[in-house]
PDB file of all heavy atoms in Angstrom:
ATOM      1  N   TRP A   1      57.506 198.451 283.055  1.00  0.00           N
ATOM      2  CA  TRP A   1      57.846 199.378 281.975  1.00  0.00           C
ATOM      3  C   TRP A   1      59.334 199.685 281.875  1.00  0.00           C
ATOM      4  O   TRP A   1      59.743 200.458 281.004  1.00  0.00           O
ATOM      5  CB  TRP A   1      57.041 200.663 282.134  1.00  0.00           C
ATOM      6  CG  TRP A   1      55.590 200.386 281.944  1.00  0.00           C
ATOM      7  CD1 TRP A   1      54.620 200.416 282.894  1.00  0.00           C
ATOM      8  CD2 TRP A   1      54.950 199.966 280.738  1.00  0.00           C
ATOM      9  NE1 TRP A   1      53.412 200.055 282.353  1.00  0.00           N
ATOM     10  CE2 TRP A   1      53.584 199.765 281.031  1.00  0.00           C
ATOM     11  CE3 TRP A   1      55.391 199.723 279.439  1.00  0.00           C
ATOM     12  CZ2 TRP A   1      52.665 199.349 280.076  1.00  0.00           C
ATOM     13  CZ3 TRP A   1      54.472 199.311 278.487  1.00  0.00           C
ATOM     14  CH2 TRP A   1      53.125 199.132 278.808  1.00  0.00           C
ATOM     15  N   ILE A   2      60.162 199.067 282.706  1.00  0.00           N
ATOM     16  CA  ILE A   2      61.611 199.298 282.617  1.00  0.00           C
ATOM     17  C   ILE A   2      62.144 198.995 281.211  1.00  0.00           C
ATOM     18  O   ILE A   2      62.922 199.785 280.665  1.00  0.00           O
ATOM     19  CB  ILE A   2      62.362 198.516 283.716  1.00  0.00           C
ATOM     20  CG1 ILE A   2      62.052 199.139 285.082  1.00  0.00           C
ATOM     21  CG2 ILE A   2      63.868 198.497 283.454  1.00  0.00           C
ATOM     22  CD1 ILE A   2      62.574 198.359 286.268  1.00  0.00           C
ATOM     23  N   PRO A   3      61.729 197.885 280.558  1.00  0.00           N
ATOM     24  CA  PRO A   3      62.211 197.647 279.189  1.00  0.00           C
ATOM     25  C   PRO A   3      61.842 198.779 278.209  1.00  0.00           C
ATOM     26  O   PRO A   3      62.635 199.108 277.320  1.00  0.00           O
ATOM     27  CB  PRO A   3      61.542 196.333 278.786  1.00  0.00           C
ATOM     28  CG  PRO A   3      61.280 195.634 280.085  1.00  0.00           C
ATOM     29  CD  PRO A   3      60.957 196.737 281.062  1.00  0.00           C
ATOM     30  N   LEU A   4      60.676 199.387 278.398  1.00  0.00           N
ATOM     31  CA  LEU A   4      60.302 200.509 277.533  1.00  0.00           C
ATOM     32  C   LEU A   4      61.292 201.657 277.692  1.00  0.00           C
ATOM     33  O   LEU A   4      61.755 202.240 276.706  1.00  0.00           O
ATOM     34  CB  LEU A   4      58.885 200.991 277.848  1.00  0.00           C
ATOM     35  CG  LEU A   4      58.458 202.282 277.132  1.00  0.00           C
ATOM     36  CD1 LEU A   4      58.236 202.018 275.650  1.00  0.00           C
ATOM     37  CD2 LEU A   4      57.209 202.866 277.763  1.00  0.00           C
ATOM     38  N   TYR A   5      61.637 201.974 278.938  1.00  0.00           N
ATOM     39  CA  TYR A   5      62.589 203.055 279.174  1.00  0.00           C
ATOM     40  C   TYR A   5      63.948 202.733 278.558  1.00  0.00           C
ATOM     41  O   TYR A   5      64.596 203.600 277.972  1.00  0.00           O
ATOM     42  CB  TYR A   5      62.755 203.314 280.680  1.00  0.00           C
ATOM     43  CG  TYR A   5      61.486 203.759 281.375  1.00  0.00           C
ATOM     44  CD1 TYR A   5      61.056 203.130 282.533  1.00  0.00           C
ATOM     45  CD2 TYR A   5      60.729 204.797 280.864  1.00  0.00           C
ATOM     46  CE1 TYR A   5      59.890 203.537 283.176  1.00  0.00           C
ATOM     47  CE2 TYR A   5      59.569 205.207 281.506  1.00  0.00           C
ATOM     48  CZ  TYR A   5      59.148 204.565 282.653  1.00  0.00           C
ATOM     49  OH  TYR A   5      58.000 204.973 283.274  1.00  0.00           O
ATOM     50  N   VAL A   6      64.374 201.480 278.674  1.00  0.00           N
ATOM     51  CA  VAL A   6      65.659 201.068 278.097  1.00  0.00           C
ATOM     52  C   VAL A   6      65.633 201.204 276.571  1.00  0.00           C
ATOM     53  O   VAL A   6      66.600 201.686 275.963  1.00  0.00           O
ATOM     54  CB  VAL A   6      66.012 199.621 278.531  1.00  0.00           C
ATOM     55  CG1 VAL A   6      67.224 199.096 277.788  1.00  0.00           C
ATOM     56  CG2 VAL A   6      66.230 199.563 280.035  1.00  0.00           C
ATOM     57  N   ILE A   7      64.528 200.813 275.955  1.00  0.00           N
ATOM     58  CA  ILE A   7      64.399 200.931 274.491  1.00  0.00           C
ATOM     59  C   ILE A   7      64.433 202.399 274.075  1.00  0.00           C
ATOM     60  O   ILE A   7      65.119 202.766 273.106  1.00  0.00           O
ATOM     61  CB  ILE A   7      63.110 200.235 274.002  1.00  0.00           C
ATOM     62  CG1 ILE A   7      63.257 198.725 274.146  1.00  0.00           C
ATOM     63  CG2 ILE A   7      62.788 200.616 272.560  1.00  0.00           C
ATOM     64  CD1 ILE A   7      61.968 197.943 273.971  1.00  0.00           C
ATOM     65  N   VAL A   8      63.706 203.258 274.792  1.00  0.00           N
ATOM     66  CA  VAL A   8      63.707 204.691 274.457  1.00  0.00           C
ATOM     67  C   VAL A   8      65.115 205.262 274.604  1.00  0.00           C
ATOM     68  O   VAL A   8      65.576 206.017 273.734  1.00  0.00           O
ATOM     69  CB  VAL A   8      62.688 205.468 275.326  1.00  0.00           C
ATOM     70  CG1 VAL A   8      62.849 206.969 275.151  1.00  0.00           C
ATOM     71  CG2 VAL A   8      61.265 205.042 274.987  1.00  0.00           C
ATOM     72  N   ILE A   9      65.812 204.886 275.661  1.00  0.00           N
ATOM     73  CA  ILE A   9      67.191 205.361 275.845  1.00  0.00           C
ATOM     74  C   ILE A   9      68.074 204.894 274.686  1.00  0.00           C
ATOM     75  O   ILE A   9      68.871 205.670 274.146  1.00  0.00           O
ATOM     76  CB  ILE A   9      67.751 204.869 277.211  1.00  0.00           C
ATOM     77  CG1 ILE A   9      67.080 205.643 278.348  1.00  0.00           C
ATOM     78  CG2 ILE A   9      69.270 205.022 277.275  1.00  0.00           C
ATOM     79  CD1 ILE A   9      67.347 205.077 279.732  1.00  0.00           C
ATOM     80  N   GLY A  10      67.913 203.648 274.287  1.00  0.00           N
ATOM     81  CA  GLY A  10      68.674 203.133 273.139  1.00  0.00           C
ATOM     82  C   GLY A  10      68.409 203.934 271.874  1.00  0.00           C
ATOM     83  O   GLY A  10      69.337 204.290 271.135  1.00  0.00           O
ATOM     84  N   PHE A  11      67.140 204.232 271.623  1.00  0.00           N
ATOM     85  CA  PHE A  11      66.788 205.025 270.439  1.00  0.00           C
ATOM     86  C   PHE A  11      67.317 206.451 270.539  1.00  0.00           C
ATOM     87  O   PHE A  11      67.705 207.044 269.532  1.00  0.00           O
ATOM     88  CB  PHE A  11      65.274 205.036 270.216  1.00  0.00           C
ATOM     89  CG  PHE A  11      64.799 203.889 269.383  1.00  0.00           C
ATOM     90  CD1 PHE A  11      64.147 202.819 269.973  1.00  0.00           C
ATOM     91  CD2 PHE A  11      65.002 203.876 268.013  1.00  0.00           C
ATOM     92  CE1 PHE A  11      63.716 201.746 269.214  1.00  0.00           C
ATOM     93  CE2 PHE A  11      64.574 202.807 267.240  1.00  0.00           C
ATOM     94  CZ  PHE A  11      63.926 201.730 267.840  1.00  0.00           C
ATOM     95  N   LEU A  12      67.338 207.012 271.747  1.00  0.00           N
ATOM     96  CA  LEU A  12      67.905 208.356 271.915  1.00  0.00           C
ATOM     97  C   LEU A  12      69.376 208.368 271.511  1.00  0.00           C
ATOM     98  O   LEU A  12      69.820 209.268 270.782  1.00  0.00           O
ATOM     99  CB  LEU A  12      67.737 208.839 273.356  1.00  0.00           C
ATOM    100  CG  LEU A  12      66.346 209.321 273.759  1.00  0.00           C
ATOM    101  CD1 LEU A  12      66.241 209.458 275.270  1.00  0.00           C
ATOM    102  CD2 LEU A  12      66.000 210.632 273.076  1.00  0.00           C
ATOM    103  N   PHE A  13      70.133 207.377 271.971  1.00  0.00           N
ATOM    104  CA  PHE A  13      71.554 207.297 271.592  1.00  0.00           C
ATOM    105  C   PHE A  13      71.705 207.094 270.084  1.00  0.00           C
ATOM    106  O   PHE A  13      72.557 207.714 269.445  1.00  0.00           O
ATOM    107  CB  PHE A  13      72.260 206.166 272.346  1.00  0.00           C
ATOM    108  CG  PHE A  13      72.675 206.554 273.736  1.00  0.00           C
ATOM    109  CD1 PHE A  13      72.006 206.058 274.841  1.00  0.00           C
ATOM    110  CD2 PHE A  13      73.738 207.425 273.940  1.00  0.00           C
ATOM    111  CE1 PHE A  13      72.386 206.411 276.129  1.00  0.00           C
ATOM    112  CE2 PHE A  13      74.129 207.794 275.227  1.00  0.00           C
ATOM    113  CZ  PHE A  13      73.447 207.288 276.321  1.00  0.00           C
ATOM    114  N   TRP A  14      70.859 206.237 269.519  1.00  0.00           N
ATOM    115  CA  TRP A  14      70.947 205.933 268.090  1.00  0.00           C
ATOM    116  C   TRP A  14      70.604 207.151 267.234  1.00  0.00           C
ATOM    117  O   TRP A  14      71.287 207.454 266.259  1.00  0.00           O
ATOM    118  CB  TRP A  14      70.032 204.754 267.781  1.00  0.00           C
ATOM    119  CG  TRP A  14      69.978 204.377 266.333  1.00  0.00           C
ATOM    120  CD1 TRP A  14      71.034 204.181 265.476  1.00  0.00           C
ATOM    121  CD2 TRP A  14      68.810 204.139 265.565  1.00  0.00           C
ATOM    122  NE1 TRP A  14      70.588 203.839 264.229  1.00  0.00           N
ATOM    123  CE2 TRP A  14      69.208 203.807 264.257  1.00  0.00           C
ATOM    124  CE3 TRP A  14      67.446 204.167 265.853  1.00  0.00           C
ATOM    125  CZ2 TRP A  14      68.313 203.501 263.243  1.00  0.00           C
ATOM    126  CZ3 TRP A  14      66.566 203.861 264.844  1.00  0.00           C
ATOM    127  CH2 TRP A  14      66.986 203.541 263.547  1.00  0.00           C
ATOM    128  N   ARG A  15      69.536 207.858 267.597  1.00  0.00           N
ATOM    129  CA  ARG A  15      69.051 208.957 266.752  1.00  0.00           C
ATOM    130  C   ARG A  15      69.729 210.299 267.030  1.00  0.00           C
ATOM    131  O   ARG A  15      69.790 211.146 266.152  1.00  0.00           O
ATOM    132  CB  ARG A  15      67.541 209.121 266.905  1.00  0.00           C
ATOM    133  CG  ARG A  15      66.718 207.941 266.469  1.00  0.00           C
ATOM    134  CD  ARG A  15      67.031 207.481 265.070  1.00  0.00           C
ATOM    135  NE  ARG A  15      66.799 208.487 264.088  1.00  0.00           N
ATOM    136  CZ  ARG A  15      66.072 208.363 263.005  1.00  0.00           C
ATOM    137  NH1 ARG A  15      65.490 207.217 262.753  1.00  0.00           N
ATOM    138  NH2 ARG A  15      65.934 209.353 262.166  1.00  0.00           N
ATOM    139  N   LEU A  16      70.209 210.506 268.256  1.00  0.00           N
ATOM    140  CA  LEU A  16      70.751 211.819 268.609  1.00  0.00           C
ATOM    141  C   LEU A  16      72.269 211.839 268.777  1.00  0.00           C
ATOM    142  O   LEU A  16      72.861 212.912 268.780  1.00  0.00           O
ATOM    143  CB  LEU A  16      70.116 212.322 269.918  1.00  0.00           C
ATOM    144  CG  LEU A  16      68.609 212.502 269.946  1.00  0.00           C
ATOM    145  CD1 LEU A  16      68.165 212.965 271.324  1.00  0.00           C
ATOM    146  CD2 LEU A  16      68.148 213.480 268.871  1.00  0.00           C
ATOM    147  N   GLY A  17      72.870 210.698 268.962  1.00  0.00           N
ATOM    148  CA  GLY A  17      74.283 210.671 269.315  1.00  0.00           C
ATOM    149  C   GLY A  17      74.423 210.742 270.827  1.00  0.00           C
ATOM    150  O   GLY A  17      73.496 211.122 271.540  1.00  0.00           O
ATOM    151  N   TRP A  18      75.606 210.367 271.320  1.00  0.00           N
ATOM    152  CA  TRP A  18      75.747 210.201 272.761  1.00  0.00           C
ATOM    153  C   TRP A  18      75.646 211.498 273.546  1.00  0.00           C
ATOM    154  O   TRP A  18      75.096 211.512 274.636  1.00  0.00           O
ATOM    155  CB  TRP A  18      77.020 209.431 273.097  1.00  0.00           C
ATOM    156  CG  TRP A  18      78.305 210.190 272.879  1.00  0.00           C
ATOM    157  CD1 TRP A  18      79.031 210.266 271.730  1.00  0.00           C
ATOM    158  CD2 TRP A  18      78.987 210.976 273.835  1.00  0.00           C
ATOM    159  NE1 TRP A  18      80.128 211.056 271.906  1.00  0.00           N
ATOM    160  CE2 TRP A  18      80.134 211.506 273.210  1.00  0.00           C
ATOM    161  CE3 TRP A  18      78.755 211.298 275.176  1.00  0.00           C
ATOM    162  CZ2 TRP A  18      81.029 212.332 273.867  1.00  0.00           C
ATOM    163  CZ3 TRP A  18      79.655 212.117 275.826  1.00  0.00           C
ATOM    164  CH2 TRP A  18      80.779 212.630 275.174  1.00  0.00           C
ATOM    165  N   LYS A  19      76.162 212.608 273.017  1.00  0.00           N
ATOM    166  CA  LYS A  19      76.117 213.865 273.784  1.00  0.00           C
ATOM    167  C   LYS A  19      74.686 214.356 273.972  1.00  0.00           C
ATOM    168  O   LYS A  19      74.254 214.643 275.093  1.00  0.00           O
ATOM    169  CB  LYS A  19      76.932 214.949 273.078  1.00  0.00           C
ATOM    170  CG  LYS A  19      78.412 214.780 273.155  1.00  0.00           C
ATOM    171  CD  LYS A  19      79.086 215.946 272.457  1.00  0.00           C
ATOM    172  CE  LYS A  19      80.583 215.762 272.361  1.00  0.00           C
ATOM    173  NZ  LYS A  19      81.227 216.843 271.624  1.00  0.00           N
ATOM    174  N   LYS A  20      73.965 214.447 272.862  1.00  0.00           N
ATOM    175  CA  LYS A  20      72.578 214.916 272.948  1.00  0.00           C
ATOM    176  C   LYS A  20      71.723 213.943 273.765  1.00  0.00           C
ATOM    177  O   LYS A  20      70.874 214.359 274.556  1.00  0.00           O
ATOM    178  CB  LYS A  20      71.980 215.086 271.557  1.00  0.00           C
ATOM    179  CG  LYS A  20      72.564 216.228 270.765  1.00  0.00           C
ATOM    180  CD  LYS A  20      71.907 216.307 269.388  1.00  0.00           C
ATOM    181  CE  LYS A  20      72.499 217.411 268.548  1.00  0.00           C
ATOM    182  NZ  LYS A  20      71.885 217.459 267.205  1.00  0.00           N
ATOM    183  N   ALA A  21      71.968 212.645 273.561  1.00  0.00           N
ATOM    184  CA  ALA A  21      71.179 211.639 274.278  1.00  0.00           C
ATOM    185  C   ALA A  21      71.379 211.759 275.783  1.00  0.00           C
ATOM    186  O   ALA A  21      70.403 211.703 276.545  1.00  0.00           O
ATOM    187  CB  ALA A  21      71.550 210.234 273.808  1.00  0.00           C
ATOM    188  N   LEU A  22      72.616 211.927 276.225  1.00  0.00           N
ATOM    189  CA  LEU A  22      72.864 212.067 277.666  1.00  0.00           C
ATOM    190  C   LEU A  22      72.160 213.294 278.240  1.00  0.00           C
ATOM    191  O   LEU A  22      71.630 213.240 279.360  1.00  0.00           O
ATOM    192  CB  LEU A  22      74.368 212.139 277.945  1.00  0.00           C
ATOM    193  CG  LEU A  22      75.131 210.823 277.845  1.00  0.00           C
ATOM    194  CD1 LEU A  22      76.623 211.051 278.073  1.00  0.00           C
ATOM    195  CD2 LEU A  22      74.593 209.792 278.829  1.00  0.00           C
ATOM    196  N   ILE A  23      72.137 214.369 277.497  1.00  0.00           N
ATOM    197  CA  ILE A  23      71.460 215.578 277.966  1.00  0.00           C
ATOM    198  C   ILE A  23      69.949 215.337 278.073  1.00  0.00           C
ATOM    199  O   ILE A  23      69.320 215.699 279.078  1.00  0.00           O
ATOM    200  CB  ILE A  23      71.779 216.783 277.052  1.00  0.00           C
ATOM    201  CG1 ILE A  23      73.262 217.159 277.203  1.00  0.00           C
ATOM    202  CG2 ILE A  23      70.873 217.969 277.362  1.00  0.00           C
ATOM    203  CD1 ILE A  23      73.760 218.164 276.181  1.00  0.00           C
ATOM    204  N   VAL A  24      69.372 214.699 277.058  1.00  0.00           N
ATOM    205  CA  VAL A  24      67.928 214.424 277.084  1.00  0.00           C
ATOM    206  C   VAL A  24      67.590 213.440 278.206  1.00  0.00           C
ATOM    207  O   VAL A  24      66.599 213.614 278.923  1.00  0.00           O
ATOM    208  CB  VAL A  24      67.439 213.907 275.710  1.00  0.00           C
ATOM    209  CG1 VAL A  24      66.003 213.425 275.781  1.00  0.00           C
ATOM    210  CG2 VAL A  24      67.586 214.999 274.657  1.00  0.00           C
ATOM    211  N   ILE A  25      68.410 212.419 278.385  1.00  0.00           N
ATOM    212  CA  ILE A  25      68.176 211.452 279.469  1.00  0.00           C
ATOM    213  C   ILE A  25      68.256 212.160 280.822  1.00  0.00           C
ATOM    214  O   ILE A  25      67.433 211.916 281.716  1.00  0.00           O
ATOM    215  CB  ILE A  25      69.183 210.286 279.381  1.00  0.00           C
ATOM    216  CG1 ILE A  25      68.890 209.444 278.139  1.00  0.00           C
ATOM    217  CG2 ILE A  25      69.141 209.427 280.639  1.00  0.00           C
ATOM    218  CD1 ILE A  25      70.008 208.515 277.745  1.00  0.00           C
ATOM    219  N   GLY A  26      69.234 213.050 280.974  1.00  0.00           N
ATOM    220  CA  GLY A  26      69.327 213.837 282.209  1.00  0.00           C
ATOM    221  C   GLY A  26      68.080 214.669 282.447  1.00  0.00           C
ATOM    222  O   GLY A  26      67.580 214.755 283.580  1.00  0.00           O
ATOM    223  N   ALA A  27      67.548 215.265 281.379  1.00  0.00           N
ATOM    224  CA  ALA A  27      66.319 216.055 281.497  1.00  0.00           C
ATOM    225  C   ALA A  27      65.139 215.175 281.903  1.00  0.00           C
ATOM    226  O   ALA A  27      64.313 215.566 282.736  1.00  0.00           O
ATOM    227  CB  ALA A  27      66.028 216.779 280.184  1.00  0.00           C
ATOM    228  N   CYS A  28      65.068 213.972 281.331  1.00  0.00           N
ATOM    229  CA  CYS A  28      63.991 213.041 281.705  1.00  0.00           C
ATOM    230  C   CYS A  28      64.105 212.634 283.172  1.00  0.00           C
ATOM    231  O   CYS A  28      63.092 212.564 283.881  1.00  0.00           O
ATOM    232  CB  CYS A  28      64.019 211.803 280.809  1.00  0.00           C
ATOM    233  SG  CYS A  28      63.492 212.097 279.109  1.00  0.00           S
ATOM    234  N   LEU A  29      65.330 212.380 283.623  1.00  0.00           N
ATOM    235  CA  LEU A  29      65.526 212.026 285.037  1.00  0.00           C
ATOM    236  C   LEU A  29      65.137 213.179 285.958  1.00  0.00           C
ATOM    237  O   LEU A  29      64.502 212.956 286.999  1.00  0.00           O
ATOM    238  CB  LEU A  29      66.982 211.621 285.279  1.00  0.00           C
ATOM    239  CG  LEU A  29      67.398 210.277 284.686  1.00  0.00           C
ATOM    240  CD1 LEU A  29      68.900 210.066 284.841  1.00  0.00           C
ATOM    241  CD2 LEU A  29      66.625 209.132 285.334  1.00  0.00           C
ATOM    242  N   LEU A  30      65.496 214.394 285.583  1.00  0.00           N
ATOM    243  CA  LEU A  30      65.106 215.554 286.388  1.00  0.00           C
ATOM    244  C   LEU A  30      63.579 215.706 286.421  1.00  0.00           C
ATOM    245  O   LEU A  30      63.010 216.090 287.450  1.00  0.00           O
ATOM    246  CB  LEU A  30      65.761 216.827 285.852  1.00  0.00           C
ATOM    247  CG  LEU A  30      67.268 216.940 286.099  1.00  0.00           C
ATOM    248  CD1 LEU A  30      67.841 218.132 285.328  1.00  0.00           C
ATOM    249  CD2 LEU A  30      67.557 217.067 287.584  1.00  0.00           C
TER     250      LEU A  30
END
């Protein structure tokens, strides 16, 4: 499922912008 996570991360950057995406990715990692 690593490719799924990479795709979701890509969409987060695309749809939210880099600042919001990094925060959401950090929340997912936590």
